[in-house]
Amino acid sequence: MKITVAVDCMGGDHGPGVTVPAVLEFLHERAEVSCVLVGLEDVIRAELRARGAATGPRLHLHPASEVVGMSEAPAQALRYKKDSSMRVAVNLVRSGEAHACVSAGNTGALMAISRFVLKTLPGIDRPAIASVLPNMNGGFTYVLDLGANVDCTPEQLMQFGIMGAMLVSAIEHKERPVVGLLNIGVEDIKGNDTVKQAADLLRGSGLNFHGNVEGDDIYKGTTDVVVCDGFVGNSVLKASEGVAKMIVAHLRQEFSRNPWRRFVALLARPVLRSLRSRMDPGRYNGASLLGLRGIVVKSHGSADAYAFGQALRRGEEQVLNDVVRRITQRMAELRPAPGIARSATA
């Protein structure tokens, strides 16, 4: 299958200086993929020339005259910047000219624009941001929502569970992924009313529902998917990133205290390098905006070329494994048939 990915080249902290070389490397690795570079034409062409590259059969350029700032209000970007690189890239997915969109730009603006342009799938109230965190089993735990929806209803949390399960089923090829609901305890009596009601809905959803899980279960790999609202999910994500950075900083301090420890650090360098690689957030870059009628992947704004390339690969994976169709089909199975619904109403 030939895949086309629309890339918002102007998004992120570094813009074309990161996105263009990441795309060139991605195309070098993937012979069946083509990319559309979206953004300010002169800037992108200058970056291509600096890299000794040019547009061609697998690399196209689609001009956009505006750029969404990283701190810009989402409503303003949606209303007044209709020719922004972000909006144009998402439009290419809607028109079918691209199979996926990848952007490192303003998260709120990307969510607002994607939801407005692509709309949500039948049965999905709100899109959710899903990403992976490494676990002690050597695999990944998929967590959602990571910040798109601060306040959620029980029904929306149940929808997140379905979307996360379908994503894992597609990418990891697991027939019945295990879904957990993040709570302050594993007992059924724990949590607020929203979480308790969500647990009841998840039990009746047909998913392989494990029950409540706690924060440490994310890294234990107790379940394949962990569901929570965006406030909690984003807090968990940022706290995890902070802990990882603190551990690296403390290791550096301890290994540099005296000449003997510096010598030990030299001996331990292969182990430390391996540990750093396993904990590198760039390896897991690329959050999926699930629940839309199209594939949109959000890269971290500070991503380097390697990390942005990981986000491009996430988009490709979702296209190849038909994630949107899987979610649509599962939601259709969940909803009662029209005749049943009428009977229940009567």
Protein backbone atom coordinates (compact mmCIF):
# COMPACT_ATOMS: atom_id res chain seq x y z
CA MET A 1 0.00 0.00 0.00
CA LYS A 2 1.35 3.42 -0.98
CA ILE A 3 0.99 5.91 1.85
CA THR A 4 1.11 9.69 1.73
CA VAL A 5 1.84 11.67 4.88
CA ALA A 6 1.14 15.41 5.14
CA VAL A 7 3.75 17.11 7.32
CA ASP A 8 3.22 20.45 9.06
CA CYS A 9 6.79 21.64 8.50
CA MET A 10 6.40 24.91 10.42
CA GLY A 11 5.19 23.43 13.71
CA GLY A 12 7.29 22.84 16.81
CA ASP A 13 10.14 24.70 18.45
CA HIS A 14 12.52 24.16 15.54
CA GLY A 15 10.31 24.15 12.43
CA PRO A 16 11.79 23.06 9.07
CA GLY A 17 15.25 22.66 10.62
CA VAL A 18 13.92 19.46 12.22
CA THR A 19 10.90 18.44 10.17
CA VAL A 20 12.57 18.51 6.73
CA PRO A 21 15.61 16.35 7.59
CA ALA A 22 13.32 13.96 9.49
CA VAL A 23 11.14 13.57 6.40
CA LEU A 24 14.17 12.99 4.15
CA GLU A 25 15.44 10.24 6.44
CA PHE A 26 11.96 8.73 6.69
CA LEU A 27 11.64 8.58 2.90
CA HIS A 28 15.06 6.98 2.65
CA GLU A 29 13.90 4.19 4.98
CA ARG A 30 10.41 3.73 3.53
CA ALA A 31 10.32 3.12 -0.21
CA GLU A 32 6.51 2.89 -0.37
CA VAL A 33 5.82 6.20 1.40
CA SER A 34 5.54 9.72 0.00
CA CYS A 35 5.34 12.98 1.95
CA VAL A 36 3.83 16.41 1.39
CA LEU A 37 5.78 19.25 3.01
CA VAL A 38 3.32 21.95 4.06
CA GLY A 39 4.43 25.45 5.02
CA LEU A 40 6.15 28.61 3.84
CA GLU A 41 7.46 27.73 0.39
CA ASP A 42 10.66 29.81 0.41
CA VAL A 43 11.69 28.55 3.84
CA ILE A 44 11.11 24.88 2.97
CA ARG A 45 12.90 25.13 -0.38
CA ALA A 46 15.87 26.78 1.31
CA GLU A 47 16.03 23.92 3.83
CA LEU A 48 15.86 21.35 1.03
CA ARG A 49 18.70 23.07 -0.86
CA ALA A 50 20.79 23.12 2.30
CA ARG A 51 20.30 19.35 2.53
CA GLY A 52 21.05 18.76 -1.16
CA ALA A 53 17.49 17.59 -1.74
CA ALA A 54 14.60 18.61 -3.98
CA THR A 55 10.95 17.77 -4.53
CA GLY A 56 10.14 14.77 -6.70
CA PRO A 57 7.71 11.87 -7.19
CA ARG A 58 7.75 10.98 -3.50
CA LEU A 59 8.35 14.42 -2.01
CA HIS A 60 5.90 17.21 -2.73
CA LEU A 61 5.58 20.77 -1.46
CA HIS A 62 2.20 22.35 -0.65
CA PRO A 63 2.51 26.07 0.17
CA ALA A 64 0.78 27.62 3.18
CA SER A 65 1.00 31.32 3.93
CA GLU A 66 0.46 31.27 7.73
CA VAL A 67 1.98 29.64 10.79
CA VAL A 68 0.28 28.80 14.10
CA GLY A 69 2.42 29.93 17.04
CA MET A 70 3.21 27.50 19.83
CA SER A 71 1.52 29.74 22.42
CA GLU A 72 -1.34 30.90 20.20
CA ALA A 73 -4.92 30.49 21.41
CA PRO A 74 -6.55 27.48 19.68
CA ALA A 75 -9.73 29.46 18.92
CA GLN A 76 -7.73 32.19 17.23
CA ALA A 77 -5.77 29.69 15.13
CA LEU A 78 -8.98 27.96 14.09
CA ARG A 79 -10.89 31.13 13.26
CA TYR A 80 -8.32 33.43 11.71
CA LYS A 81 -5.57 31.24 10.24
CA LYS A 82 -7.32 29.17 7.61
CA ASP A 83 -4.19 28.98 5.46
CA SER A 84 -1.85 27.91 8.25
CA SER A 85 0.50 25.01 7.61
CA MET A 86 -1.34 23.04 10.29
CA ARG A 87 -4.79 23.65 8.80
CA VAL A 88 -3.66 22.90 5.25
CA ALA A 89 -2.00 19.63 6.33
CA VAL A 90 -5.19 18.47 8.06
CA ASN A 91 -7.23 19.54 5.01
CA LEU A 92 -5.12 17.21 2.87
CA VAL A 93 -6.25 14.29 5.06
CA ARG A 94 -9.89 15.33 4.72
CA SER A 95 -9.64 15.58 0.94
CA GLY A 96 -7.96 12.20 0.66
CA GLU A 97 -4.72 13.61 -0.76
CA ALA A 98 -2.92 12.35 2.34
CA HIS A 99 -3.55 9.35 4.58
CA ALA A 100 -2.17 10.94 7.74
CA CYS A 101 -1.03 14.28 9.14
CA VAL A 102 1.94 14.77 11.47
CA SER A 103 2.59 18.02 13.33
CA ALA A 104 4.81 19.19 16.18
CA GLY A 105 2.81 22.38 16.53
CA ASN A 106 0.50 23.82 19.16
CA THR A 107 -1.38 20.87 20.71
CA GLY A 108 -4.59 22.75 21.48
CA ALA A 109 -4.72 24.27 18.00
CA LEU A 110 -4.03 20.92 16.34
CA MET A 111 -6.83 19.27 18.29
CA ALA A 112 -9.28 22.10 17.59
CA ILE A 113 -8.47 22.23 13.87
CA SER A 114 -8.51 18.44 13.47
CA ARG A 115 -11.84 18.10 15.23
CA PHE A 116 -13.38 20.93 13.18
CA VAL A 117 -12.03 19.76 9.82
CA LEU A 118 -12.21 15.97 10.15
CA LYS A 119 -15.08 15.59 12.66
CA THR A 120 -15.37 12.73 15.12
CA LEU A 121 -16.29 9.14 14.30
CA PRO A 122 -19.87 7.94 14.90
CA GLY A 123 -20.41 7.29 18.59
CA ILE A 124 -17.35 9.27 19.70
CA ASP A 125 -18.08 12.41 21.70
CA ARG A 126 -14.53 13.78 21.89
CA PRO A 127 -11.15 12.83 20.44
CA ALA A 128 -8.45 11.74 22.87
CA ILE A 129 -4.67 11.96 22.86
CA ALA A 130 -3.01 8.56 23.23
CA SER A 131 0.67 7.71 23.54
CA VAL A 132 2.92 4.97 24.86
CA LEU A 133 5.07 4.69 27.98
CA PRO A 134 7.68 1.95 28.42
CA ASN A 135 6.97 -0.76 30.98
CA MET A 136 9.03 -3.34 32.88
CA ASN A 137 7.85 -6.15 30.60
CA GLY A 138 9.95 -4.75 27.79
CA GLY A 139 6.89 -3.44 25.97
CA PHE A 140 4.63 -0.42 26.09
CA THR A 141 1.57 0.73 27.97
CA TYR A 142 -0.82 2.89 25.95
CA VAL A 143 -2.32 5.74 27.99
CA LEU A 144 -5.21 8.05 27.09
CA ASP A 145 -6.34 10.78 27.44
CA LEU A 146 -3.13 12.78 27.83
CA GLY A 147 -4.57 16.27 27.89
CA ALA A 148 -7.29 16.87 25.31
CA ASN A 149 -10.23 16.53 27.72
CA VAL A 150 -9.85 17.83 31.26
CA ASP A 151 -13.36 16.87 32.37
CA CYS A 152 -14.84 13.60 31.10
CA THR A 153 -18.12 11.78 31.51
CA PRO A 154 -18.24 8.03 32.26
CA GLU A 155 -19.37 7.44 28.67
CA GLN A 156 -16.37 9.31 27.29
CA LEU A 157 -13.96 7.31 29.45
CA MET A 158 -15.56 4.13 28.13
CA GLN A 159 -15.08 5.44 24.56
CA PHE A 160 -11.41 6.11 25.36
CA GLY A 161 -11.10 2.47 26.44
CA ILE A 162 -12.50 1.27 23.14
CA MET A 163 -10.26 3.58 21.10
CA GLY A 164 -7.17 2.56 23.06
CA ALA A 165 -7.97 -1.13 22.74
CA MET A 166 -8.46 -0.85 18.98
CA LEU A 167 -5.18 1.05 18.65
CA VAL A 168 -3.28 -1.67 20.55
CA SER A 169 -5.09 -4.40 18.64
CA ALA A 170 -4.01 -2.81 15.37
CA ILE A 171 -0.42 -1.84 16.21
CA GLU A 172 0.56 -4.67 18.58
CA HIS A 173 -1.62 -7.31 16.86
CA LYS A 174 -3.27 -8.38 20.11
CA GLU A 175 -6.74 -9.78 19.64
CA ARG A 176 -8.06 -8.78 23.07
CA PRO A 177 -5.87 -6.12 24.70
CA VAL A 178 -6.27 -5.69 28.46
CA VAL A 179 -7.78 -2.35 29.50
CA GLY A 180 -7.40 -0.76 32.93
CA LEU A 181 -9.03 2.31 34.48
CA LEU A 182 -6.66 4.60 36.38
CA ASN A 183 -7.85 5.12 39.94
CA ILE A 184 -6.54 5.85 43.45
CA GLY A 185 -6.89 2.17 44.34
CA VAL A 186 -7.70 -1.16 42.73
CA GLU A 187 -10.81 -1.78 44.86
CA ASP A 188 -14.20 -1.19 43.22
CA ILE A 189 -15.26 1.16 46.02
CA LYS A 190 -12.37 3.56 45.34
CA GLY A 191 -12.60 6.72 43.22
CA ASN A 192 -15.21 9.34 42.46
CA ASP A 193 -18.63 8.70 40.95
CA THR A 194 -17.41 9.34 37.40
CA VAL A 195 -14.71 6.69 37.64
CA LYS A 196 -17.04 4.18 39.31
CA GLN A 197 -19.66 4.64 36.59
CA ALA A 198 -16.99 4.40 33.90
CA ALA A 199 -15.84 1.09 35.39
CA ASP A 200 -19.40 -0.27 35.15
CA LEU A 201 -19.62 0.81 31.49
CA LEU A 202 -16.27 -0.74 30.65
CA ARG A 203 -17.32 -4.04 32.24
CA GLY A 204 -20.33 -4.14 29.95
CA SER A 205 -18.52 -2.94 26.82
CA GLY A 206 -17.22 -6.31 25.71
CA LEU A 207 -13.63 -5.19 26.20
CA ASN A 208 -11.09 -7.27 28.11
CA PHE A 209 -11.46 -5.03 31.16
CA HIS A 210 -9.01 -5.68 33.99
CA GLY A 211 -10.59 -3.23 36.43
CA ASN A 212 -9.01 -0.39 38.35
CA VAL A 213 -5.25 0.16 38.17
CA GLU A 214 -2.93 2.54 40.01
CA GLY A 215 -0.22 4.79 38.63
CA ASP A 216 2.59 2.27 39.12
CA ASP A 217 0.69 -0.29 37.03
CA ILE A 218 1.49 1.80 33.95
CA TYR A 219 5.17 0.92 34.32
CA LYS A 220 4.56 -2.61 35.60
CA GLY A 221 2.70 -3.37 32.38
CA THR A 222 -0.31 -4.70 34.26
CA THR A 223 -2.58 -3.79 31.33
CA ASP A 224 -2.06 -2.89 27.68
CA VAL A 225 -4.22 0.24 27.92
CA VAL A 226 -4.76 2.66 30.80
CA VAL A 227 -7.75 5.01 30.62
CA CYS A 228 -8.04 8.33 32.45
CA ASP A 229 -9.22 11.89 31.89
CA GLY A 230 -6.91 14.44 30.29
CA PHE A 231 -6.10 16.27 33.53
CA VAL A 232 -4.85 13.13 35.23
CA GLY A 233 -3.18 11.75 32.11
CA ASN A 234 -1.20 14.89 31.37
CA SER A 235 -0.13 15.13 35.02
CA VAL A 236 1.10 11.52 34.94
CA LEU A 237 2.99 12.14 31.69
CA LYS A 238 4.74 15.31 32.88
CA ALA A 239 5.58 13.77 36.25
CA SER A 240 7.06 10.73 34.48
CA GLU A 241 9.20 12.92 32.24
CA GLY A 242 10.37 14.86 35.28
CA VAL A 243 11.34 11.71 37.18
CA ALA A 244 13.28 10.39 34.18
CA LYS A 245 15.23 13.65 33.89
CA MET A 246 15.90 13.70 37.64
CA ILE A 247 17.31 10.15 37.57
CA VAL A 248 19.66 11.04 34.71
CA ALA A 249 20.78 14.22 36.50
CA HIS A 250 21.41 12.36 39.78
CA LEU A 251 23.42 9.66 38.01
CA ARG A 252 25.63 12.31 36.42
CA GLN A 253 26.18 14.00 39.79
CA GLU A 254 27.07 10.76 41.58
CA PHE A 255 29.43 9.54 38.86
CA SER A 256 31.31 12.85 38.77
CA ARG A 257 31.94 13.34 42.51
CA ASN A 258 35.58 12.14 42.43
CA PRO A 259 38.15 10.54 40.09
CA TRP A 260 37.32 7.02 41.26
CA ARG A 261 33.64 7.43 40.46
CA ARG A 262 34.49 8.94 37.08
CA PHE A 263 36.55 5.83 36.37
CA VAL A 264 33.62 3.62 37.40
CA ALA A 265 31.37 5.70 35.12
CA LEU A 266 33.75 4.98 32.24
CA LEU A 267 33.44 1.24 32.90
CA ALA A 268 29.66 1.54 33.18
CA ARG A 269 29.29 3.63 30.03
CA PRO A 270 27.73 0.83 27.90
CA VAL A 271 25.12 0.17 30.60
CA LEU A 272 24.39 3.87 31.07
CA ARG A 273 24.12 4.40 27.32
CA SER A 274 21.65 1.52 27.06
CA LEU A 275 19.62 2.85 30.01
CA ARG A 276 19.52 6.33 28.52
CA SER A 277 18.33 4.91 25.21
CA ARG A 278 15.53 2.95 26.89
CA MET A 279 14.39 6.02 28.81
CA ASP A 280 14.75 8.46 25.91
CA PRO A 281 11.33 10.12 25.33
CA GLY A 282 12.27 10.54 21.66
CA ARG A 283 11.88 6.79 21.14
CA TYR A 284 8.22 7.05 22.12
CA ASN A 285 7.45 10.36 20.39
CA GLY A 286 4.19 10.67 18.51
CA ALA A 287 0.82 10.88 20.24
CA SER A 288 -2.27 9.75 18.35
CA LEU A 289 -5.39 11.93 18.15
CA LEU A 290 -7.91 9.10 18.30
CA GLY A 291 -11.61 9.33 17.46
CA LEU A 292 -11.28 11.47 14.33
CA ARG A 293 -12.31 10.59 10.78
CA GLY A 294 -8.67 10.56 9.79
CA ILE A 295 -5.23 9.97 11.26
CA VAL A 296 -3.44 12.84 13.01
CA VAL A 297 -0.23 12.40 15.02
CA LYS A 298 1.14 15.00 17.41
CA SER A 299 4.91 15.17 17.86
CA HIS A 300 6.47 16.78 20.91
CA GLY A 301 7.22 20.42 20.18
CA SER A 302 10.87 20.13 21.22
CA ALA A 303 11.49 16.95 19.20
CA ASP A 304 14.73 16.58 17.27
CA ALA A 305 14.91 14.97 13.82
CA TYR A 306 15.10 11.45 15.25
CA ALA A 307 12.10 11.96 17.52
CA PHE A 308 10.03 13.58 14.75
CA GLY A 309 10.86 10.60 12.57
CA GLN A 310 9.33 8.36 15.23
CA ALA A 311 6.10 10.38 14.98
CA LEU A 312 6.12 9.89 11.19
CA ARG A 313 6.45 6.14 11.74
CA ARG A 314 3.50 6.16 14.15
CA GLY A 315 1.36 7.78 11.48
CA GLU A 316 2.43 5.19 8.92
CA GLU A 317 1.69 2.33 11.34
CA GLN A 318 -1.84 3.57 11.96
CA VAL A 319 -2.55 3.85 8.25
CA LEU A 320 -1.17 0.39 7.49
CA ASN A 321 -3.19 -1.18 10.31
CA ASP A 322 -6.41 0.69 9.51
CA VAL A 323 -6.95 2.10 13.01
CA VAL A 324 -9.83 4.41 12.03
CA ARG A 325 -11.83 1.54 10.51
CA ARG A 326 -11.25 -0.64 13.57
CA ILE A 327 -12.54 2.04 15.95
CA THR A 328 -15.53 2.73 13.70
CA GLN A 329 -16.43 -0.95 13.52
CA ARG A 330 -16.09 -1.48 17.27
CA MET A 331 -18.27 1.54 18.06
CA ALA A 332 -20.91 0.29 15.61
CA GLU A 333 -20.95 -3.08 17.39
CA LEU A 334 -21.42 -1.30 20.72
CA ARG A 335 -24.40 0.77 19.61
CA PRO A 336 -27.77 -1.06 19.59
CA ALA A 337 -29.49 -1.65 16.27
CA PRO A 338 -32.25 0.90 15.38
CA GLY A 339 -35.03 -1.60 15.95
CA ILE A 340 -33.71 -2.49 19.40
CA ALA A 341 -33.34 1.19 20.26
CA ARG A 342 -36.95 1.91 19.25
CA SER A 343 -38.22 -1.01 21.30
CA ALA A 344 -36.30 0.15 24.32
CA THR A 345 -37.71 3.67 23.94
CA ALA A 346 -41.24 2.32 23.61
